[in-house]
Amino acid sequence: MSLFHRAGYVVGVLITLLALSHDCQARVHSHGRFVRIKGTRFVLHRSYFVFNGFNSYWMMHVAADPSERYKVSKTFREAAAAGLSVCRTWAFSDGGDRALQISPGVHDERVFQALDFVISKARQHWIRLILSFVNNYKDFGDCPQYVEWARNAGVNNVNGEDDFYTNPTLKKYYKNHVKKVITQMNTITRIAYKDDPMIMAWELMNEPRCQADYSRRMVNGWVQEMASFVKSLDRKHLLEIGMEGFYGDSMPKKKVNNPAGYNQVGISSKR
């Protein structure tokens, strides 16, 4: 499978930030400038920023083994040669093999150094990053791991994964991880993540789902709370949700427009 599979997903995710215009002008690269928005367009150094992007979720995990870091370097080198300038990747791995977060609030600095390496290599090849904070699915731990941690700690009223959006302890676990990532000092570039313009955007979660509330009100409340929290720590970077965008119970007549199998994922593209 190509290293650049599902490349279009990056653009799809960023539609949650804004509607990307097709008549944008040429972009201007600058290490020292943050990507911003102007109306419905991305802007970089006073010019419209147009990009092709790709997904490589595995980068930090692979880079945690120094003998495999060449794979990260090769991917960025090939991506830059192909004209790709934005990469979406994980800034999480909760429990399990090569975990970034070993237990709530406890992080492995060795794995953080792997993420430092990923960011430094992206910078070297003029590729901006979208970093995701957590996964909806059990891969790399994530929401199910947070629930398990809370249960093991004796936290009451944790009945399932959907409690991730409402339980105060689970939300505290998430916020602690987010704060650690945003304030991390890169050991290679010596730039704090929150001050690094090569990070284009933060992502709250990879593909949020909530089986307990198909109206998406529960997820929307969580998004509003966490977006405000992220912005209280970092007002320089763009922020996106991680939703693909589907019609839900708030617009039942539109559900027929969803792809097959996506009518009950609890997310509406319009509120």
C-alpha atoms as a PDB file:
ATOM      1  CA  MET A   1       0.000   0.000   0.000  1.00  0.00           C
ATOM      2  CA  SER A   2       1.288   3.464  -0.847  1.00  0.00           C
ATOM      3  CA  LEU A   3       2.687   5.595   1.970  1.00  0.00           C
ATOM      4  CA  PHE A   4       0.340   8.297   0.716  1.00  0.00           C
ATOM      5  CA  HIS A   5      -2.911   6.296   0.965  1.00  0.00           C
ATOM      6  CA  ARG A   6      -5.997   8.252   1.949  1.00  0.00           C
ATOM      7  CA  ALA A   7      -4.207  11.492   1.108  1.00  0.00           C
ATOM      8  CA  GLY A   8      -7.478  13.249   0.440  1.00  0.00           C
ATOM      9  CA  TYR A   9      -8.594  12.693   4.037  1.00  0.00           C
ATOM     10  CA  VAL A  10      -6.473  15.616   5.183  1.00  0.00           C
ATOM     11  CA  VAL A  11      -8.455  18.013   3.034  1.00  0.00           C
ATOM     12  CA  GLY A  12     -11.695  16.375   4.171  1.00  0.00           C
ATOM     13  CA  VAL A  13     -10.824  16.838   7.818  1.00  0.00           C
ATOM     14  CA  LEU A  14      -9.852  20.457   7.337  1.00  0.00           C
ATOM     15  CA  ILE A  15     -13.256  21.249   5.863  1.00  0.00           C
ATOM     16  CA  THR A  16     -14.281  21.347   9.516  1.00  0.00           C
ATOM     17  CA  LEU A  17     -12.086  24.446   9.744  1.00  0.00           C
ATOM     18  CA  LEU A  18     -13.318  26.154   6.599  1.00  0.00           C
ATOM     19  CA  ALA A  19     -14.382  25.605   2.996  1.00  0.00           C
ATOM     20  CA  LEU A  20     -11.214  25.548   0.967  1.00  0.00           C
ATOM     21  CA  SER A  21     -11.412  27.840  -2.061  1.00  0.00           C
ATOM     22  CA  HIS A  22     -10.375  26.526  -5.474  1.00  0.00           C
ATOM     23  CA  ASP A  23      -9.249  29.857  -6.910  1.00  0.00           C
ATOM     24  CA  CYS A  24      -6.459  30.526  -4.425  1.00  0.00           C
ATOM     25  CA  GLN A  25      -3.224  32.114  -5.470  1.00  0.00           C
ATOM     26  CA  ALA A  26       0.248  30.595  -5.188  1.00  0.00           C
ATOM     27  CA  ARG A  27       1.499  29.903  -1.703  1.00  0.00           C
ATOM     28  CA  VAL A  28       4.590  31.367  -0.042  1.00  0.00           C
ATOM     29  CA  HIS A  29       6.634  29.068   2.211  1.00  0.00           C
ATOM     30  CA  SER A  30       8.023  30.427   5.469  1.00  0.00           C
ATOM     31  CA  HIS A  31       9.300  28.576   8.530  1.00  0.00           C
ATOM     32  CA  GLY A  32       8.515  31.589  10.674  1.00  0.00           C
ATOM     33  CA  ARG A  33       4.855  32.074   9.786  1.00  0.00           C
ATOM     34  CA  PHE A  34       1.731  30.357  11.072  1.00  0.00           C
ATOM     35  CA  VAL A  35      -0.981  29.230   8.687  1.00  0.00           C
ATOM     36  CA  ARG A  36      -4.095  31.270   9.382  1.00  0.00           C
ATOM     37  CA  ILE A  37      -7.538  31.734   7.906  1.00  0.00           C
ATOM     38  CA  LYS A  38      -9.048  34.688   6.100  1.00  0.00           C
ATOM     39  CA  GLY A  39     -12.718  34.215   5.407  1.00  0.00           C
ATOM     40  CA  THR A  40     -12.940  30.783   3.793  1.00  0.00           C
ATOM     41  CA  ARG A  41      -9.279  30.526   2.825  1.00  0.00           C
ATOM     42  CA  PHE A  42      -6.009  29.479   4.365  1.00  0.00           C
ATOM     43  CA  VAL A  43      -3.372  32.193   4.419  1.00  0.00           C
ATOM     44  CA  LEU A  44       0.380  31.970   4.848  1.00  0.00           C
ATOM     45  CA  HIS A  45       2.564  35.093   4.880  1.00  0.00           C
ATOM     46  CA  ARG A  46      -0.194  37.219   3.287  1.00  0.00           C
ATOM     47  CA  SER A  47      -0.703  34.784   0.402  1.00  0.00           C
ATOM     48  CA  TYR A  48      -3.369  32.130  -0.001  1.00  0.00           C
ATOM     49  CA  PHE A  49      -2.100  28.721   1.086  1.00  0.00           C
ATOM     50  CA  VAL A  50      -3.117  25.822  -1.145  1.00  0.00           C
ATOM     51  CA  PHE A  51      -1.813  22.355  -0.440  1.00  0.00           C
ATOM     52  CA  ASN A  52      -1.940  18.657  -1.146  1.00  0.00           C
ATOM     53  CA  GLY A  53      -1.722  16.561   2.002  1.00  0.00           C
ATOM     54  CA  PHE A  54      -1.322  12.990   3.183  1.00  0.00           C
ATOM     55  CA  ASN A  55      -1.964  10.755   6.188  1.00  0.00           C
ATOM     56  CA  SER A  56       0.901   8.936   7.910  1.00  0.00           C
ATOM     57  CA  TYR A  57      -0.452   8.081  11.336  1.00  0.00           C
ATOM     58  CA  TRP A  58       2.446   5.753  12.201  1.00  0.00           C
ATOM     59  CA  MET A  59       5.353   8.189  12.255  1.00  0.00           C
ATOM     60  CA  MET A  60       5.904   8.664  15.988  1.00  0.00           C
ATOM     61  CA  HIS A  61       5.399   4.965  16.659  1.00  0.00           C
ATOM     62  CA  VAL A  62       8.026   3.999  14.087  1.00  0.00           C
ATOM     63  CA  ALA A  63      10.445   6.763  15.104  1.00  0.00           C
ATOM     64  CA  ALA A  64      10.394   5.483  18.699  1.00  0.00           C
ATOM     65  CA  ASP A  65      12.856   2.878  17.389  1.00  0.00           C
ATOM     66  CA  PRO A  66      15.902   4.896  16.247  1.00  0.00           C
ATOM     67  CA  SER A  67      16.861   2.154  13.789  1.00  0.00           C
ATOM     68  CA  GLU A  68      13.592   2.749  11.901  1.00  0.00           C
ATOM     69  CA  ARG A  69      13.697   6.536  11.714  1.00  0.00           C
ATOM     70  CA  TYR A  70      14.942   6.358   8.140  1.00  0.00           C
ATOM     71  CA  LYS A  71      11.365   5.428   7.194  1.00  0.00           C
ATOM     72  CA  VAL A  72      10.135   8.787   8.456  1.00  0.00           C
ATOM     73  CA  SER A  73      12.903  10.642   6.634  1.00  0.00           C
ATOM     74  CA  LYS A  74      12.186   8.735   3.416  1.00  0.00           C
ATOM     75  CA  THR A  75       8.460   9.444   3.617  1.00  0.00           C
ATOM     76  CA  PHE A  76       8.926  13.185   4.044  1.00  0.00           C
ATOM     77  CA  ARG A  77      11.538  13.270   1.298  1.00  0.00           C
ATOM     78  CA  GLU A  78       9.256  11.458  -1.165  1.00  0.00           C
ATOM     79  CA  ALA A  79       6.239  13.528  -0.113  1.00  0.00           C
ATOM     80  CA  ALA A  80       8.081  16.784  -0.712  1.00  0.00           C
ATOM     81  CA  ALA A  81       9.275  15.535  -4.101  1.00  0.00           C
ATOM     82  CA  ALA A  82       5.641  14.739  -4.990  1.00  0.00           C
ATOM     83  CA  GLY A  83       4.530  18.259  -4.075  1.00  0.00           C
ATOM     84  CA  LEU A  84       2.800  17.356  -0.799  1.00  0.00           C
ATOM     85  CA  SER A  85       3.103  20.016   1.867  1.00  0.00           C
ATOM     86  CA  VAL A  86       0.839  18.961   4.764  1.00  0.00           C
ATOM     87  CA  CYS A  87       0.956  15.723   6.761  1.00  0.00           C
ATOM     88  CA  ARG A  88      -1.560  14.508   9.330  1.00  0.00           C
ATOM     89  CA  THR A  89      -0.136  12.230  12.024  1.00  0.00           C
ATOM     90  CA  TRP A  90      -0.705  11.081  15.595  1.00  0.00           C
ATOM     91  CA  ALA A  91       0.497  12.853  18.738  1.00  0.00           C
ATOM     92  CA  PHE A  92      -0.873  10.055  20.907  1.00  0.00           C
ATOM     93  CA  SER A  93      -0.303   6.439  21.850  1.00  0.00           C
ATOM     94  CA  ASP A  94      -1.908   5.404  25.101  1.00  0.00           C
ATOM     95  CA  GLY A  95      -0.700   2.268  26.841  1.00  0.00           C
ATOM     96  CA  GLY A  96       0.748  -0.718  25.014  1.00  0.00           C
ATOM     97  CA  ASP A  97       3.799  -0.886  22.763  1.00  0.00           C
ATOM     98  CA  ARG A  98       5.878   2.292  22.403  1.00  0.00           C
ATOM     99  CA  ALA A  99       3.256   4.257  24.333  1.00  0.00           C
ATOM    100  CA  LEU A 100       3.616   8.023  24.516  1.00  0.00           C
ATOM    101  CA  GLN A 101       1.286   8.137  27.536  1.00  0.00           C
ATOM    102  CA  ILE A 102       2.073   5.207  29.802  1.00  0.00           C
ATOM    103  CA  SER A 103      -0.633   6.022  32.331  1.00  0.00           C
ATOM    104  CA  PRO A 104      -2.750   9.132  32.942  1.00  0.00           C
ATOM    105  CA  GLY A 105      -0.415  12.113  32.949  1.00  0.00           C
ATOM    106  CA  VAL A 106       2.719   9.943  32.739  1.00  0.00           C
ATOM    107  CA  HIS A 107       4.572  10.215  29.422  1.00  0.00           C
ATOM    108  CA  ASP A 108       7.600   8.424  28.013  1.00  0.00           C
ATOM    109  CA  GLU A 109      10.152  11.073  27.083  1.00  0.00           C
ATOM    110  CA  ARG A 110      11.837   8.595  24.744  1.00  0.00           C
ATOM    111  CA  VAL A 111       8.657   8.455  22.653  1.00  0.00           C
ATOM    112  CA  PHE A 112       8.256  12.230  22.881  1.00  0.00           C
ATOM    113  CA  GLN A 113      11.747  12.471  21.379  1.00  0.00           C
ATOM    114  CA  ALA A 114      10.439  10.342  18.509  1.00  0.00           C
ATOM    115  CA  LEU A 115       7.706  12.921  17.926  1.00  0.00           C
ATOM    116  CA  ASP A 116      10.357  15.641  18.188  1.00  0.00           C
ATOM    117  CA  PHE A 117      12.202  13.843  15.384  1.00  0.00           C
ATOM    118  CA  VAL A 118       9.077  13.688  13.218  1.00  0.00           C
ATOM    119  CA  ILE A 119       8.493  17.423  13.623  1.00  0.00           C
ATOM    120  CA  SER A 120      12.142  18.228  12.888  1.00  0.00           C
ATOM    121  CA  LYS A 121      12.084  16.167   9.688  1.00  0.00           C
ATOM    122  CA  ALA A 122       8.851  17.802   8.556  1.00  0.00           C
ATOM    123  CA  ARG A 123      10.515  21.171   9.061  1.00  0.00           C
ATOM    124  CA  GLN A 124      13.516  20.056   7.017  1.00  0.00           C
ATOM    125  CA  HIS A 125      11.253  19.275   4.051  1.00  0.00           C
ATOM    126  CA  TRP A 126       8.899  22.281   4.408  1.00  0.00           C
ATOM    127  CA  ILE A 127       5.956  20.053   5.314  1.00  0.00           C
ATOM    128  CA  ARG A 128       3.449  21.330   7.842  1.00  0.00           C
ATOM    129  CA  LEU A 129       1.801  18.980  10.318  1.00  0.00           C
ATOM    130  CA  ILE A 130      -1.666  18.328  11.684  1.00  0.00           C
ATOM    131  CA  LEU A 131      -1.258  16.598  15.054  1.00  0.00           C
ATOM    132  CA  SER A 132      -4.130  14.602  16.530  1.00  0.00           C
ATOM    133  CA  PHE A 133      -4.520  14.278  20.323  1.00  0.00           C
ATOM    134  CA  VAL A 134      -6.502  11.036  20.671  1.00  0.00           C
ATOM    135  CA  ASN A 135      -8.174   8.252  18.712  1.00  0.00           C
ATOM    136  CA  ASN A 136     -11.820   7.280  18.870  1.00  0.00           C
ATOM    137  CA  TYR A 137     -10.876   3.657  18.204  1.00  0.00           C
ATOM    138  CA  LYS A 138      -8.983   1.121  20.310  1.00  0.00           C
ATOM    139  CA  ASP A 139      -5.905   1.277  18.080  1.00  0.00           C
ATOM    140  CA  PHE A 140      -3.051   2.823  20.077  1.00  0.00           C
ATOM    141  CA  GLY A 141      -5.183   2.641  23.230  1.00  0.00           C
ATOM    142  CA  ASP A 142      -7.002   5.939  23.258  1.00  0.00           C
ATOM    143  CA  CYS A 143     -10.674   6.284  24.312  1.00  0.00           C
ATOM    144  CA  PRO A 144     -10.983   2.621  25.404  1.00  0.00           C
ATOM    145  CA  GLN A 145      -7.664   2.929  27.242  1.00  0.00           C
ATOM    146  CA  TYR A 146      -8.823   6.074  29.044  1.00  0.00           C
ATOM    147  CA  VAL A 147     -11.933   4.195  30.180  1.00  0.00           C
ATOM    148  CA  GLU A 148      -9.848   1.259  31.394  1.00  0.00           C
ATOM    149  CA  TRP A 149      -7.529   3.571  33.311  1.00  0.00           C
ATOM    150  CA  ALA A 150     -10.485   5.194  35.046  1.00  0.00           C
ATOM    151  CA  ARG A 151     -12.064   1.863  35.956  1.00  0.00           C
ATOM    152  CA  ASN A 152      -8.779   0.569  37.328  1.00  0.00           C
ATOM    153  CA  ALA A 153      -8.543   3.721  39.444  1.00  0.00           C
ATOM    154  CA  GLY A 154     -11.994   3.033  40.910  1.00  0.00           C
ATOM    155  CA  VAL A 155     -13.714   5.958  39.223  1.00  0.00           C
ATOM    156  CA  ASN A 156     -17.489   5.725  39.545  1.00  0.00           C
ATOM    157  CA  ASN A 157     -20.033   5.935  36.729  1.00  0.00           C
ATOM    158  CA  VAL A 158     -17.725   4.848  33.930  1.00  0.00           C
ATOM    159  CA  ASN A 159     -19.890   2.431  31.966  1.00  0.00           C
ATOM    160  CA  GLY A 160     -18.477   2.591  28.465  1.00  0.00           C
ATOM    161  CA  GLU A 161     -16.465   4.452  25.860  1.00  0.00           C
ATOM    162  CA  ASP A 162     -19.104   7.144  25.323  1.00  0.00           C
ATOM    163  CA  ASP A 163     -18.458   8.329  28.890  1.00  0.00           C
ATOM    164  CA  PHE A 164     -15.232   9.777  27.473  1.00  0.00           C
ATOM    165  CA  TYR A 165     -17.297  12.817  26.410  1.00  0.00           C
ATOM    166  CA  THR A 166     -18.939  13.512  29.775  1.00  0.00           C
ATOM    167  CA  ASN A 167     -17.075  11.938  32.703  1.00  0.00           C
ATOM    168  CA  PRO A 168     -15.016  14.575  34.580  1.00  0.00           C
ATOM    169  CA  THR A 169     -12.116  12.217  35.280  1.00  0.00           C
ATOM    170  CA  LEU A 170     -11.828  11.104  31.662  1.00  0.00           C
ATOM    171  CA  LYS A 171     -11.973  14.701  30.495  1.00  0.00           C
ATOM    172  CA  LYS A 172      -9.225  15.567  32.987  1.00  0.00           C
ATOM    173  CA  TYR A 173      -7.052  12.747  31.637  1.00  0.00           C
ATOM    174  CA  TYR A 174      -7.517  14.116  28.118  1.00  0.00           C
ATOM    175  CA  LYS A 175      -6.784  17.708  29.098  1.00  0.00           C
ATOM    176  CA  ASN A 176      -3.605  16.671  30.894  1.00  0.00           C
ATOM    177  CA  HIS A 177      -2.358  14.940  27.761  1.00  0.00           C
ATOM    178  CA  VAL A 178      -3.285  17.873  25.533  1.00  0.00           C
ATOM    179  CA  LYS A 179      -1.455  20.304  27.792  1.00  0.00           C
ATOM    180  CA  LYS A 180       1.639  18.107  27.851  1.00  0.00           C
ATOM    181  CA  VAL A 181       1.758  17.924  24.047  1.00  0.00           C
ATOM    182  CA  ILE A 182       1.117  21.599  23.399  1.00  0.00           C
ATOM    183  CA  THR A 183       3.720  22.753  25.905  1.00  0.00           C
ATOM    184  CA  GLN A 184       6.346  20.158  24.963  1.00  0.00           C
ATOM    185  CA  MET A 185       9.804  21.564  24.176  1.00  0.00           C
ATOM    186  CA  ASN A 186      11.257  19.925  21.074  1.00  0.00           C
ATOM    187  CA  THR A 187      14.639  18.483  22.048  1.00  0.00           C
ATOM    188  CA  ILE A 188      15.935  18.794  18.478  1.00  0.00           C
ATOM    189  CA  THR A 189      14.629  22.149  17.223  1.00  0.00           C
ATOM    190  CA  ARG A 190      14.494  23.716  20.709  1.00  0.00           C
ATOM    191  CA  ILE A 191      11.088  25.172  19.816  1.00  0.00           C
ATOM    192  CA  ALA A 192       8.046  24.521  22.007  1.00  0.00           C
ATOM    193  CA  TYR A 193       5.279  22.842  20.058  1.00  0.00           C
ATOM    194  CA  LYS A 194       2.918  25.721  20.798  1.00  0.00           C
ATOM    195  CA  ASP A 195       5.412  28.109  19.189  1.00  0.00           C
ATOM    196  CA  ASP A 196       6.277  26.007  16.130  1.00  0.00           C
ATOM    197  CA  PRO A 197       4.738  27.336  12.896  1.00  0.00           C
ATOM    198  CA  MET A 198       5.496  24.058  11.102  1.00  0.00           C
ATOM    199  CA  ILE A 199       2.598  22.612  13.083  1.00  0.00           C
ATOM    200  CA  MET A 200      -0.338  23.762  10.992  1.00  0.00           C
ATOM    201  CA  ALA A 201      -3.165  22.605  13.263  1.00  0.00           C
ATOM    202  CA  TRP A 202      -4.177  20.544  16.259  1.00  0.00           C
ATOM    203  CA  GLU A 203      -6.896  17.899  15.947  1.00  0.00           C
ATOM    204  CA  LEU A 204      -9.126  17.145  18.926  1.00  0.00           C
ATOM    205  CA  MET A 205      -9.796  13.506  18.003  1.00  0.00           C
ATOM    206  CA  ASN A 206      -9.531  11.121  15.095  1.00  0.00           C
ATOM    207  CA  GLU A 207     -13.095  10.506  13.863  1.00  0.00           C
ATOM    208  CA  PRO A 208     -15.265  11.115  16.953  1.00  0.00           C
ATOM    209  CA  ARG A 209     -18.151   8.681  17.414  1.00  0.00           C
ATOM    210  CA  CYS A 210     -20.876   8.472  20.038  1.00  0.00           C
ATOM    211  CA  GLN A 211     -23.368   5.613  20.014  1.00  0.00           C
ATOM    212  CA  ALA A 212     -25.171   7.013  23.075  1.00  0.00           C
ATOM    213  CA  ASP A 213     -26.356  10.200  21.376  1.00  0.00           C
ATOM    214  CA  TYR A 214     -27.067  10.202  17.651  1.00  0.00           C
ATOM    215  CA  SER A 215     -28.115  13.861  17.787  1.00  0.00           C
ATOM    216  CA  ARG A 216     -24.385  14.630  18.337  1.00  0.00           C
ATOM    217  CA  ARG A 217     -25.211  17.061  21.169  1.00  0.00           C
ATOM    218  CA  MET A 218     -22.944  15.112  23.525  1.00  0.00           C
ATOM    219  CA  VAL A 219     -20.016  15.219  21.124  1.00  0.00           C
ATOM    220  CA  ASN A 220     -20.681  18.856  20.303  1.00  0.00           C
ATOM    221  CA  GLY A 221     -20.604  19.799  23.984  1.00  0.00           C
ATOM    222  CA  TRP A 222     -17.285  18.000  24.392  1.00  0.00           C
ATOM    223  CA  VAL A 223     -15.893  19.729  21.293  1.00  0.00           C
ATOM    224  CA  GLN A 224     -16.831  23.168  22.594  1.00  0.00           C
ATOM    225  CA  GLU A 225     -15.228  22.495  25.980  1.00  0.00           C
ATOM    226  CA  MET A 226     -12.025  21.022  24.582  1.00  0.00           C
ATOM    227  CA  ALA A 227     -11.659  23.608  21.832  1.00  0.00           C
ATOM    228  CA  SER A 228     -11.846  26.350  24.450  1.00  0.00           C
ATOM    229  CA  PHE A 229      -9.259  24.503  26.536  1.00  0.00           C
ATOM    230  CA  VAL A 230      -6.826  24.145  23.636  1.00  0.00           C
ATOM    231  CA  LYS A 231      -7.210  27.801  22.735  1.00  0.00           C
ATOM    232  CA  SER A 232      -6.530  28.797  26.343  1.00  0.00           C
ATOM    233  CA  LEU A 233      -3.115  27.164  25.926  1.00  0.00           C
ATOM    234  CA  ASP A 234      -2.340  28.098  22.334  1.00  0.00           C
ATOM    235  CA  ARG A 235      -3.970  30.803  20.241  1.00  0.00           C
ATOM    236  CA  LYS A 236      -1.408  30.655  17.435  1.00  0.00           C
ATOM    237  CA  HIS A 237      -2.348  27.406  15.753  1.00  0.00           C
ATOM    238  CA  LEU A 238      -5.433  26.369  13.843  1.00  0.00           C
ATOM    239  CA  LEU A 239      -7.687  23.817  15.505  1.00  0.00           C
ATOM    240  CA  GLU A 240      -9.969  21.239  13.944  1.00  0.00           C
ATOM    241  CA  ILE A 241     -12.263  18.581  15.306  1.00  0.00           C
ATOM    242  CA  GLY A 242     -11.375  15.448  13.342  1.00  0.00           C
ATOM    243  CA  MET A 243     -14.928  14.773  12.168  1.00  0.00           C
ATOM    244  CA  GLU A 244     -15.530  13.667   8.601  1.00  0.00           C
ATOM    245  CA  GLY A 245     -18.981  15.293   8.621  1.00  0.00           C
ATOM    246  CA  PHE A 246     -22.205  13.286   8.212  1.00  0.00           C
ATOM    247  CA  TYR A 247     -25.885  14.092   8.449  1.00  0.00           C
ATOM    248  CA  GLY A 248     -27.403  12.897  11.731  1.00  0.00           C
ATOM    249  CA  ASP A 249     -30.695  12.986  13.589  1.00  0.00           C
ATOM    250  CA  SER A 250     -30.670  16.784  13.614  1.00  0.00           C
ATOM    251  CA  MET A 251     -31.342  16.641   9.842  1.00  0.00           C
ATOM    252  CA  PRO A 252     -33.090  13.274   9.287  1.00  0.00           C
ATOM    253  CA  LYS A 253     -34.183  13.987   5.711  1.00  0.00           C
ATOM    254  CA  LYS A 254     -30.565  14.471   4.704  1.00  0.00           C
ATOM    255  CA  LYS A 255     -29.427  11.082   5.984  1.00  0.00           C
ATOM    256  CA  VAL A 256     -29.989   9.522   2.569  1.00  0.00           C
ATOM    257  CA  ASN A 257     -26.981  11.541   1.390  1.00  0.00           C
ATOM    258  CA  ASN A 258     -24.616   9.769   3.796  1.00  0.00           C
ATOM    259  CA  PRO A 259     -22.312   7.019   2.536  1.00  0.00           C
ATOM    260  CA  ALA A 260     -23.629   3.518   3.213  1.00  0.00           C
ATOM    261  CA  GLY A 261     -23.267   2.536   6.855  1.00  0.00           C
ATOM    262  CA  TYR A 262     -22.780   6.062   8.199  1.00  0.00           C
ATOM    263  CA  ASN A 263     -26.320   6.981   9.215  1.00  0.00           C
ATOM    264  CA  GLN A 264     -25.866   6.331  12.944  1.00  0.00           C
ATOM    265  CA  VAL A 265     -22.432   7.635  13.831  1.00  0.00           C
ATOM    266  CA  GLY A 266     -23.764  10.517  15.891  1.00  0.00           C
ATOM    267  CA  ILE A 267     -22.294  13.314  13.798  1.00  0.00           C
ATOM    268  CA  SER A 268     -24.070  15.885  11.667  1.00  0.00           C
ATOM    269  CA  SER A 269     -22.371  18.019   9.046  1.00  0.00           C
ATOM    270  CA  LYS A 270     -24.899  20.738   9.863  1.00  0.00           C
ATOM    271  CA  ARG A 271     -26.392  21.675  13.184  1.00  0.00           C
END
